[in-house]
Amino acid sequence: SGGPLLNSDGEVVGINVLKQHGADDIQMSLSTLQIIEL
């Protein structure tokens, strides 16, 4: 949590925040577009 999600250019597209418990391969990241203006 709090680490970066990177695209192929090494840019941060999200801040990692959640893992869906009880499920496989469902993780979630907060888009940097939502915070960049702040």
PDB file of all heavy atoms in Angstrom:
ATOM      1  N   SER A   1       0.828  -1.206   0.000  1.00  0.00           N
ATOM      2  CA  SER A   1       0.000   0.000   0.000  1.00  0.00           C
ATOM      3  C   SER A   1       0.864   1.259   0.000  1.00  0.00           C
ATOM      4  O   SER A   1       1.804   1.390   0.786  1.00  0.00           O
ATOM      5  CB  SER A   1      -0.899   0.022   1.238  1.00  0.00           C
ATOM      6  OG  SER A   1      -1.942  -0.901   1.121  1.00  0.00           O
ATOM      7  N   GLY A   2       0.532   2.176  -0.899  1.00  0.00           N
ATOM      8  CA  GLY A   2       1.276   3.416  -1.008  1.00  0.00           C
ATOM      9  C   GLY A   2       2.369   3.385  -2.053  1.00  0.00           C
ATOM     10  O   GLY A   2       2.905   4.431  -2.437  1.00  0.00           O
ATOM     11  N   GLY A   3       2.713   2.195  -2.534  1.00  0.00           N
ATOM     12  CA  GLY A   3       3.731   2.081  -3.568  1.00  0.00           C
ATOM     13  C   GLY A   3       3.170   2.430  -4.937  1.00  0.00           C
ATOM     14  O   GLY A   3       1.949   2.504  -5.130  1.00  0.00           O
ATOM     15  N   PRO A   4       4.041   2.635  -5.929  1.00  0.00           N
ATOM     16  CA  PRO A   4       3.577   3.045  -7.249  1.00  0.00           C
ATOM     17  C   PRO A   4       3.173   1.876  -8.145  1.00  0.00           C
ATOM     18  O   PRO A   4       3.708   0.771  -8.036  1.00  0.00           O
ATOM     19  CB  PRO A   4       4.811   3.742  -7.828  1.00  0.00           C
ATOM     20  CG  PRO A   4       5.963   2.973  -7.232  1.00  0.00           C
ATOM     21  CD  PRO A   4       5.512   2.620  -5.833  1.00  0.00           C
ATOM     22  N   LEU A   5       2.231   2.151  -9.026  1.00  0.00           N
ATOM     23  CA  LEU A   5       1.899   1.264 -10.139  1.00  0.00           C
ATOM     24  C   LEU A   5       2.453   1.939 -11.379  1.00  0.00           C
ATOM     25  O   LEU A   5       2.083   3.069 -11.704  1.00  0.00           O
ATOM     26  CB  LEU A   5       0.387   1.077 -10.250  1.00  0.00           C
ATOM     27  CG  LEU A   5      -0.083   0.082 -11.325  1.00  0.00           C
ATOM     28  CD1 LEU A   5       0.237  -1.350 -10.901  1.00  0.00           C
ATOM     29  CD2 LEU A   5      -1.581   0.246 -11.595  1.00  0.00           C
ATOM     30  N   LEU A   6       3.373   1.259 -12.061  1.00  0.00           N
ATOM     31  CA  LEU A   6       4.097   1.860 -13.179  1.00  0.00           C
ATOM     32  C   LEU A   6       3.617   1.331 -14.524  1.00  0.00           C
ATOM     33  O   LEU A   6       3.236   0.159 -14.646  1.00  0.00           O
ATOM     34  CB  LEU A   6       5.593   1.570 -13.052  1.00  0.00           C
ATOM     35  CG  LEU A   6       6.284   1.990 -11.755  1.00  0.00           C
ATOM     36  CD1 LEU A   6       7.735   1.534 -11.765  1.00  0.00           C
ATOM     37  CD2 LEU A   6       6.202   3.500 -11.561  1.00  0.00           C
ATOM     38  N   ASN A   7       3.658   2.206 -15.538  1.00  0.00           N
ATOM     39  CA  ASN A   7       3.406   1.752 -16.905  1.00  0.00           C
ATOM     40  C   ASN A   7       4.734   1.413 -17.576  1.00  0.00           C
ATOM     41  O   ASN A   7       5.795   1.442 -16.942  1.00  0.00           O
ATOM     42  CB  ASN A   7       2.616   2.801 -17.694  1.00  0.00           C
ATOM     43  CG  ASN A   7       3.369   4.126 -17.856  1.00  0.00           C
ATOM     44  OD1 ASN A   7       4.592   4.202 -17.667  1.00  0.00           O
ATOM     45  ND2 ASN A   7       2.646   5.177 -18.202  1.00  0.00           N
ATOM     46  N   SER A   8       4.678   1.090 -18.865  1.00  0.00           N
ATOM     47  CA  SER A   8       5.883   0.640 -19.562  1.00  0.00           C
ATOM     48  C   SER A   8       6.919   1.744 -19.753  1.00  0.00           C
ATOM     49  O   SER A   8       8.067   1.464 -20.097  1.00  0.00           O
ATOM     50  CB  SER A   8       5.511   0.053 -20.929  1.00  0.00           C
ATOM     51  OG  SER A   8       4.831   1.014 -21.719  1.00  0.00           O
ATOM     52  N   ASP A   9       6.525   2.992 -19.533  1.00  0.00           N
ATOM     53  CA  ASP A   9       7.460   4.107 -19.623  1.00  0.00           C
ATOM     54  C   ASP A   9       8.064   4.454 -18.268  1.00  0.00           C
ATOM     55  O   ASP A   9       8.808   5.429 -18.145  1.00  0.00           O
ATOM     56  CB  ASP A   9       6.763   5.346 -20.196  1.00  0.00           C
ATOM     57  CG  ASP A   9       6.336   5.161 -21.650  1.00  0.00           C
ATOM     58  OD1 ASP A   9       7.099   4.540 -22.404  1.00  0.00           O
ATOM     59  OD2 ASP A   9       5.236   5.626 -22.005  1.00  0.00           O
ATOM     60  N   GLY A  10       7.708   3.681 -17.235  1.00  0.00           N
ATOM     61  CA  GLY A  10       8.217   3.960 -15.909  1.00  0.00           C
ATOM     62  C   GLY A  10       7.488   5.093 -15.217  1.00  0.00           C
ATOM     63  O   GLY A  10       7.937   5.582 -14.173  1.00  0.00           O
ATOM     64  N   GLU A  11       6.347   5.522 -15.782  1.00  0.00           N
ATOM     65  CA  GLU A  11       5.553   6.573 -15.156  1.00  0.00           C
ATOM     66  C   GLU A  11       4.569   5.963 -14.159  1.00  0.00           C
ATOM     67  O   GLU A  11       4.111   4.836 -14.339  1.00  0.00           O
ATOM     68  CB  GLU A  11       4.767   7.345 -16.210  1.00  0.00           C
ATOM     69  CG  GLU A  11       5.632   8.085 -17.216  1.00  0.00           C
ATOM     70  CD  GLU A  11       4.802   8.724 -18.310  1.00  0.00           C
ATOM     71  OE1 GLU A  11       3.723   8.177 -18.649  1.00  0.00           O
ATOM     72  OE2 GLU A  11       5.224   9.766 -18.839  1.00  0.00           O
ATOM     73  N   VAL A  12       4.238   6.736 -13.145  1.00  0.00           N
ATOM     74  CA  VAL A  12       3.290   6.267 -12.123  1.00  0.00           C
ATOM     75  C   VAL A  12       1.871   6.510 -12.618  1.00  0.00           C
ATOM     76  O   VAL A  12       1.470   7.651 -12.844  1.00  0.00           O
ATOM     77  CB  VAL A  12       3.501   6.993 -10.782  1.00  0.00           C
ATOM     78  CG1 VAL A  12       2.538   6.455  -9.738  1.00  0.00           C
ATOM     79  CG2 VAL A  12       4.937   6.833 -10.312  1.00  0.00           C
ATOM     80  N   VAL A  13       1.114   5.425 -12.786  1.00  0.00           N
ATOM     81  CA  VAL A  13      -0.285   5.552 -13.188  1.00  0.00           C
ATOM     82  C   VAL A  13      -1.221   5.411 -11.999  1.00  0.00           C
ATOM     83  O   VAL A  13      -2.407   5.741 -12.084  1.00  0.00           O
ATOM     84  CB  VAL A  13      -0.671   4.525 -14.278  1.00  0.00           C
ATOM     85  CG1 VAL A  13       0.091   4.792 -15.557  1.00  0.00           C
ATOM     86  CG2 VAL A  13      -0.441   3.099 -13.790  1.00  0.00           C
ATOM     87  N   GLY A  14      -0.698   4.908 -10.866  1.00  0.00           N
ATOM     88  CA  GLY A  14      -1.563   4.733  -9.712  1.00  0.00           C
ATOM     89  C   GLY A  14      -0.786   4.541  -8.420  1.00  0.00           C
ATOM     90  O   GLY A  14       0.416   4.254  -8.432  1.00  0.00           O
ATOM     91  N   ILE A  15      -1.494   4.738  -7.297  1.00  0.00           N
ATOM     92  CA  ILE A  15      -0.973   4.423  -5.969  1.00  0.00           C
ATOM     93  C   ILE A  15      -1.679   3.154  -5.510  1.00  0.00           C
ATOM     94  O   ILE A  15      -2.914   3.100  -5.456  1.00  0.00           O
ATOM     95  CB  ILE A  15      -1.261   5.558  -4.965  1.00  0.00           C
ATOM     96  CG1 ILE A  15      -0.609   6.860  -5.432  1.00  0.00           C
ATOM     97  CG2 ILE A  15      -0.743   5.188  -3.575  1.00  0.00           C
ATOM     98  CD1 ILE A  15      -0.961   8.053  -4.557  1.00  0.00           C
ATOM     99  N   ASN A  16      -0.917   2.131  -5.192  1.00  0.00           N
ATOM    100  CA  ASN A  16      -1.503   0.846  -4.822  1.00  0.00           C
ATOM    101  C   ASN A  16      -2.202   0.948  -3.468  1.00  0.00           C
ATOM    102  O   ASN A  16      -1.618   1.414  -2.498  1.00  0.00           O
ATOM    103  CB  ASN A  16      -0.416  -0.231  -4.787  1.00  0.00           C
ATOM    104  CG  ASN A  16       0.264  -0.359  -6.138  1.00  0.00           C
ATOM    105  OD1 ASN A  16      -0.376  -0.291  -7.177  1.00  0.00           O
ATOM    106  ND2 ASN A  16       1.576  -0.539  -6.126  1.00  0.00           N
ATOM    107  N   VAL A  17      -3.472   0.507  -3.424  1.00  0.00           N
ATOM    108  CA  VAL A  17      -4.249   0.706  -2.194  1.00  0.00           C
ATOM    109  C   VAL A  17      -4.966  -0.535  -1.672  1.00  0.00           C
ATOM    110  O   VAL A  17      -5.156  -0.668  -0.464  1.00  0.00           O
ATOM    111  CB  VAL A  17      -5.300   1.840  -2.365  1.00  0.00           C
ATOM    112  CG1 VAL A  17      -4.618   3.190  -2.478  1.00  0.00           C
ATOM    113  CG2 VAL A  17      -6.213   1.587  -3.560  1.00  0.00           C
ATOM    114  N   LEU A  18      -5.379  -1.463  -2.541  1.00  0.00           N
ATOM    115  CA  LEU A  18      -6.265  -2.532  -2.084  1.00  0.00           C
ATOM    116  C   LEU A  18      -5.969  -3.873  -2.727  1.00  0.00           C
ATOM    117  O   LEU A  18      -5.490  -3.952  -3.857  1.00  0.00           O
ATOM    118  CB  LEU A  18      -7.729  -2.191  -2.408  1.00  0.00           C
ATOM    119  CG  LEU A  18      -8.384  -1.006  -1.711  1.00  0.00           C
ATOM    120  CD1 LEU A  18      -9.743  -0.735  -2.334  1.00  0.00           C
ATOM    121  CD2 LEU A  18      -8.532  -1.285  -0.228  1.00  0.00           C
ATOM    122  N   LYS A  19      -6.284  -4.919  -1.984  1.00  0.00           N
ATOM    123  CA  LYS A  19      -6.311  -6.278  -2.509  1.00  0.00           C
ATOM    124  C   LYS A  19      -7.668  -6.873  -2.159  1.00  0.00           C
ATOM    125  O   LYS A  19      -8.117  -6.753  -1.015  1.00  0.00           O
ATOM    126  CB  LYS A  19      -5.207  -7.133  -1.898  1.00  0.00           C
ATOM    127  CG  LYS A  19      -5.234  -8.608  -2.321  1.00  0.00           C
ATOM    128  CD  LYS A  19      -4.125  -9.375  -1.621  1.00  0.00           C
ATOM    129  CE  LYS A  19      -4.153 -10.850  -1.999  1.00  0.00           C
ATOM    130  NZ  LYS A  19      -3.814 -11.062  -3.415  1.00  0.00           N
ATOM    131  N   GLN A  20      -8.325  -7.470  -3.144  1.00  0.00           N
ATOM    132  CA  GLN A  20      -9.635  -8.083  -2.882  1.00  0.00           C
ATOM    133  C   GLN A  20      -9.443  -9.429  -2.204  1.00  0.00           C
ATOM    134  O   GLN A  20      -8.955 -10.388  -2.800  1.00  0.00           O
ATOM    135  CB  GLN A  20     -10.394  -8.286  -4.208  1.00  0.00           C
ATOM    136  CG  GLN A  20     -11.775  -8.897  -4.050  1.00  0.00           C
ATOM    137  CD  GLN A  20     -12.740  -7.985  -3.331  1.00  0.00           C
ATOM    138  OE1 GLN A  20     -12.968  -6.863  -3.739  1.00  0.00           O
ATOM    139  NE2 GLN A  20     -13.306  -8.464  -2.238  1.00  0.00           N
ATOM    140  N   HIS A  21      -9.804  -9.508  -0.929  1.00  0.00           N
ATOM    141  CA  HIS A  21      -9.643 -10.749  -0.181  1.00  0.00           C
ATOM    142  C   HIS A  21     -10.667 -11.787  -0.651  1.00  0.00           C
ATOM    143  O   HIS A  21     -11.806 -11.460  -0.986  1.00  0.00           O
ATOM    144  CB  HIS A  21      -9.802 -10.500   1.316  1.00  0.00           C
ATOM    145  CG  HIS A  21      -8.713  -9.663   1.900  1.00  0.00           C
ATOM    146  ND1 HIS A  21      -7.418 -10.115   2.042  1.00  0.00           N
ATOM    147  CD2 HIS A  21      -8.708  -8.380   2.344  1.00  0.00           C
ATOM    148  CE1 HIS A  21      -6.673  -9.167   2.565  1.00  0.00           C
ATOM    149  NE2 HIS A  21      -7.427  -8.097   2.753  1.00  0.00           N
ATOM    150  N   GLY A  22     -10.235 -13.031  -0.701  1.00  0.00           N
ATOM    151  CA  GLY A  22     -11.107 -14.098  -1.142  1.00  0.00           C
ATOM    152  C   GLY A  22     -11.173 -14.246  -2.645  1.00  0.00           C
ATOM    153  O   GLY A  22     -11.970 -15.030  -3.164  1.00  0.00           O
ATOM    154  N   ALA A  23     -10.347 -13.492  -3.363  1.00  0.00           N
ATOM    155  CA  ALA A  23     -10.328 -13.568  -4.827  1.00  0.00           C
ATOM    156  C   ALA A  23      -8.884 -13.621  -5.304  1.00  0.00           C
ATOM    157  O   ALA A  23      -7.961 -13.183  -4.609  1.00  0.00           O
ATOM    158  CB  ALA A  23     -11.049 -12.378  -5.439  1.00  0.00           C
ATOM    159  N   ASP A  24      -8.679 -14.170  -6.475  1.00  0.00           N
ATOM    160  CA  ASP A  24      -7.343 -14.244  -7.061  1.00  0.00           C
ATOM    161  C   ASP A  24      -7.163 -13.141  -8.096  1.00  0.00           C
ATOM    162  O   ASP A  24      -8.057 -12.876  -8.908  1.00  0.00           O
ATOM    163  CB  ASP A  24      -7.126 -15.607  -7.743  1.00  0.00           C
ATOM    164  CG  ASP A  24      -7.103 -16.748  -6.743  1.00  0.00           C
ATOM    165  OD1 ASP A  24      -6.658 -16.520  -5.602  1.00  0.00           O
ATOM    166  OD2 ASP A  24      -7.552 -17.850  -7.110  1.00  0.00           O
ATOM    167  N   ASP A  25      -5.998 -12.506  -8.058  1.00  0.00           N
ATOM    168  CA  ASP A  25      -5.611 -11.541  -9.089  1.00  0.00           C
ATOM    169  C   ASP A  25      -6.569 -10.372  -9.229  1.00  0.00           C
ATOM    170  O   ASP A  25      -6.824  -9.889 -10.337  1.00  0.00           O
ATOM    171  CB  ASP A  25      -5.436 -12.239 -10.443  1.00  0.00           C
ATOM    172  CG  ASP A  25      -4.270 -13.204 -10.439  1.00  0.00           C
ATOM    173  OD1 ASP A  25      -3.312 -12.961  -9.677  1.00  0.00           O
ATOM    174  OD2 ASP A  25      -4.312 -14.206 -11.181  1.00  0.00           O
ATOM    175  N   ILE A  26      -7.114  -9.893  -8.117  1.00  0.00           N
ATOM    176  CA  ILE A  26      -7.920  -8.673  -8.133  1.00  0.00           C
ATOM    177  C   ILE A  26      -7.308  -7.706  -7.125  1.00  0.00           C
ATOM    178  O   ILE A  26      -7.511  -7.832  -5.919  1.00  0.00           O
ATOM    179  CB  ILE A  26      -9.403  -8.935  -7.808  1.00  0.00           C
ATOM    180  CG1 ILE A  26     -10.017  -9.896  -8.828  1.00  0.00           C
ATOM    181  CG2 ILE A  26     -10.177  -7.618  -7.786  1.00  0.00           C
ATOM    182  CD1 ILE A  26     -11.477 -10.211  -8.569  1.00  0.00           C
ATOM    183  N   GLN A  27      -6.512  -6.796  -7.642  1.00  0.00           N
ATOM    184  CA  GLN A  27      -5.876  -5.761  -6.827  1.00  0.00           C
ATOM    185  C   GLN A  27      -6.268  -4.405  -7.402  1.00  0.00           C
ATOM    186  O   GLN A  27      -6.627  -4.304  -8.585  1.00  0.00           O
ATOM    187  CB  GLN A  27      -4.355  -5.911  -6.830  1.00  0.00           C
ATOM    188  CG  GLN A  27      -3.840  -7.073  -6.016  1.00  0.00           C
ATOM    189  CD  GLN A  27      -3.940  -8.420  -6.710  1.00  0.00           C
ATOM    190  OE1 GLN A  27      -4.246  -9.413  -6.084  1.00  0.00           O
ATOM    191  NE2 GLN A  27      -3.680  -8.485  -8.005  1.00  0.00           N
ATOM    192  N   MET A  28      -6.181  -3.352  -6.591  1.00  0.00           N
ATOM    193  CA  MET A  28      -6.664  -2.053  -7.032  1.00  0.00           C
ATOM    194  C   MET A  28      -5.692  -0.928  -6.706  1.00  0.00           C
ATOM    195  O   MET A  28      -5.002  -0.963  -5.687  1.00  0.00           O
ATOM    196  CB  MET A  28      -8.035  -1.762  -6.417  1.00  0.00           C
ATOM    197  CG  MET A  28      -9.076  -2.812  -6.758  1.00  0.00           C
ATOM    198  SD  MET A  28     -10.707  -2.441  -6.114  1.00  0.00           S
ATOM    199  CE  MET A  28     -11.495  -4.059  -6.341  1.00  0.00           C
ATOM    200  N   SER A  29      -5.686   0.047  -7.595  1.00  0.00           N
ATOM    201  CA  SER A  29      -4.769   1.174  -7.476  1.00  0.00           C
ATOM    202  C   SER A  29      -5.532   2.477  -7.731  1.00  0.00           C
ATOM    203  O   SER A  29      -6.396   2.537  -8.609  1.00  0.00           O
ATOM    204  CB  SER A  29      -3.640   1.011  -8.501  1.00  0.00           C
ATOM    205  OG  SER A  29      -2.650   1.993  -8.348  1.00  0.00           O
ATOM    206  N   LEU A  30      -5.224   3.498  -6.949  1.00  0.00           N
ATOM    207  CA  LEU A  30      -5.840   4.810  -7.104  1.00  0.00           C
ATOM    208  C   LEU A  30      -5.137   5.570  -8.220  1.00  0.00           C
ATOM    209  O   LEU A  30      -3.935   5.810  -8.150  1.00  0.00           O
ATOM    210  CB  LEU A  30      -5.729   5.585  -5.786  1.00  0.00           C
ATOM    211  CG  LEU A  30      -6.244   7.025  -5.773  1.00  0.00           C
ATOM    212  CD1 LEU A  30      -7.754   7.053  -5.942  1.00  0.00           C
ATOM    213  CD2 LEU A  30      -5.830   7.721  -4.486  1.00  0.00           C
ATOM    214  N   SER A  31      -5.886   5.955  -9.236  1.00  0.00           N
ATOM    215  CA  SER A  31      -5.296   6.642 -10.383  1.00  0.00           C
ATOM    216  C   SER A  31      -4.645   7.959  -9.980  1.00  0.00           C
ATOM    217  O   SER A  31      -5.217   8.745  -9.215  1.00  0.00           O
ATOM    218  CB  SER A  31      -6.373   6.904 -11.441  1.00  0.00           C
ATOM    219  OG  SER A  31      -5.913   7.825 -12.414  1.00  0.00           O
ATOM    220  N   THR A  32      -3.447   8.212 -10.510  1.00  0.00           N
ATOM    221  CA  THR A  32      -2.762   9.472 -10.223  1.00  0.00           C
ATOM    222  C   THR A  32      -3.504  10.655 -10.840  1.00  0.00           C
ATOM    223  O   THR A  32      -3.314  11.795 -10.402  1.00  0.00           O
ATOM    224  CB  THR A  32      -1.321   9.441 -10.757  1.00  0.00           C
ATOM    225  OG1 THR A  32      -1.324   9.031 -12.131  1.00  0.00           O
ATOM    226  CG2 THR A  32      -0.471   8.484  -9.955  1.00  0.00           C
ATOM    227  N   LEU A  33      -4.356  10.411 -11.829  1.00  0.00           N
ATOM    228  CA  LEU A  33      -5.129  11.498 -12.420  1.00  0.00           C
ATOM    229  C   LEU A  33      -6.053  12.134 -11.390  1.00  0.00           C
ATOM    230  O   LEU A  33      -6.424  13.301 -11.507  1.00  0.00           O
ATOM    231  CB  LEU A  33      -5.958  10.988 -13.600  1.00  0.00           C
ATOM    232  CG  LEU A  33      -5.213  10.709 -14.906  1.00  0.00           C
ATOM    233  CD1 LEU A  33      -6.189  10.310 -16.002  1.00  0.00           C
ATOM    234  CD2 LEU A  33      -4.396  11.910 -15.348  1.00  0.00           C
ATOM    235  N   GLN A  34      -6.438  11.362 -10.360  1.00  0.00           N
ATOM    236  CA  GLN A  34      -7.344  11.879  -9.348  1.00  0.00           C
ATOM    237  C   GLN A  34      -6.654  12.782  -8.322  1.00  0.00           C
ATOM    238  O   GLN A  34      -7.327  13.486  -7.567  1.00  0.00           O
ATOM    239  CB  GLN A  34      -8.031  10.720  -8.615  1.00  0.00           C
ATOM    240  CG  GLN A  34      -8.889   9.860  -9.517  1.00  0.00           C
ATOM    241  CD  GLN A  34      -9.674   8.821  -8.710  1.00  0.00           C
ATOM    242  OE1 GLN A  34     -10.114   9.089  -7.598  1.00  0.00           O
ATOM    243  NE2 GLN A  34      -9.842   7.649  -9.278  1.00  0.00           N
ATOM    244  N   ILE A  35      -5.337  12.756  -8.298  1.00  0.00           N
ATOM    245  CA  ILE A  35      -4.627  13.525  -7.267  1.00  0.00           C
ATOM    246  C   ILE A  35      -3.632  14.530  -7.847  1.00  0.00           C
ATOM    247  O   ILE A  35      -3.154  15.400  -7.130  1.00  0.00           O
ATOM    248  CB  ILE A  35      -3.861  12.583  -6.302  1.00  0.00           C
ATOM    249  CG1 ILE A  35      -2.819  11.773  -7.078  1.00  0.00           C
ATOM    250  CG2 ILE A  35      -4.811  11.686  -5.558  1.00  0.00           C
ATOM    251  CD1 ILE A  35      -1.901  10.983  -6.180  1.00  0.00           C
ATOM    252  N   ILE A  36      -3.349  14.425  -9.138  1.00  0.00           N
ATOM    253  CA  ILE A  36      -2.265  15.232  -9.709  1.00  0.00           C
ATOM    254  C   ILE A  36      -2.552  16.737  -9.575  1.00  0.00           C
ATOM    255  O   ILE A  36      -1.637  17.545  -9.373  1.00  0.00           O
ATOM    256  CB  ILE A  36      -2.030  14.823 -11.192  1.00  0.00           C
ATOM    257  CG1 ILE A  36      -0.658  15.296 -11.656  1.00  0.00           C
ATOM    258  CG2 ILE A  36      -3.145  15.323 -12.100  1.00  0.00           C
ATOM    259  CD1 ILE A  36      -0.214  14.662 -12.971  1.00  0.00           C
ATOM    260  N   GLU A  37      -3.850  17.113  -9.656  1.00  0.00           N
ATOM    261  CA  GLU A  37      -4.198  18.536  -9.541  1.00  0.00           C
ATOM    262  C   GLU A  37      -4.140  19.024  -8.094  1.00  0.00           C
ATOM    263  O   GLU A  37      -4.127  20.230  -7.842  1.00  0.00           O
ATOM    264  CB  GLU A  37      -5.584  18.775 -10.123  1.00  0.00           C
ATOM    265  CG  GLU A  37      -5.656  18.554 -11.632  1.00  0.00           C
ATOM    266  CD  GLU A  37      -7.036  18.857 -12.193  1.00  0.00           C
ATOM    267  OE1 GLU A  37      -7.940  19.173 -11.373  1.00  0.00           O
ATOM    268  OE2 GLU A  37      -7.213  18.793 -13.413  1.00  0.00           O
ATOM    269  N   LEU A  38      -4.105  18.083  -7.145  1.00  0.00           N
ATOM    270  CA  LEU A  38      -4.067  18.454  -5.730  1.00  0.00           C
ATOM    271  C   LEU A  38      -2.636  18.630  -5.230  1.00  0.00           C
ATOM    272  O   LEU A  38      -2.422  19.121  -4.119  1.00  0.00           O
ATOM    273  CB  LEU A  38      -4.763  17.381  -4.879  1.00  0.00           C
ATOM    274  CG  LEU A  38      -6.241  17.133  -5.201  1.00  0.00           C
ATOM    275  CD1 LEU A  38      -6.746  15.943  -4.385  1.00  0.00           C
ATOM    276  CD2 LEU A  38      -7.074  18.353  -4.930  1.00  0.00           C
TER     277      LEU A  38
END
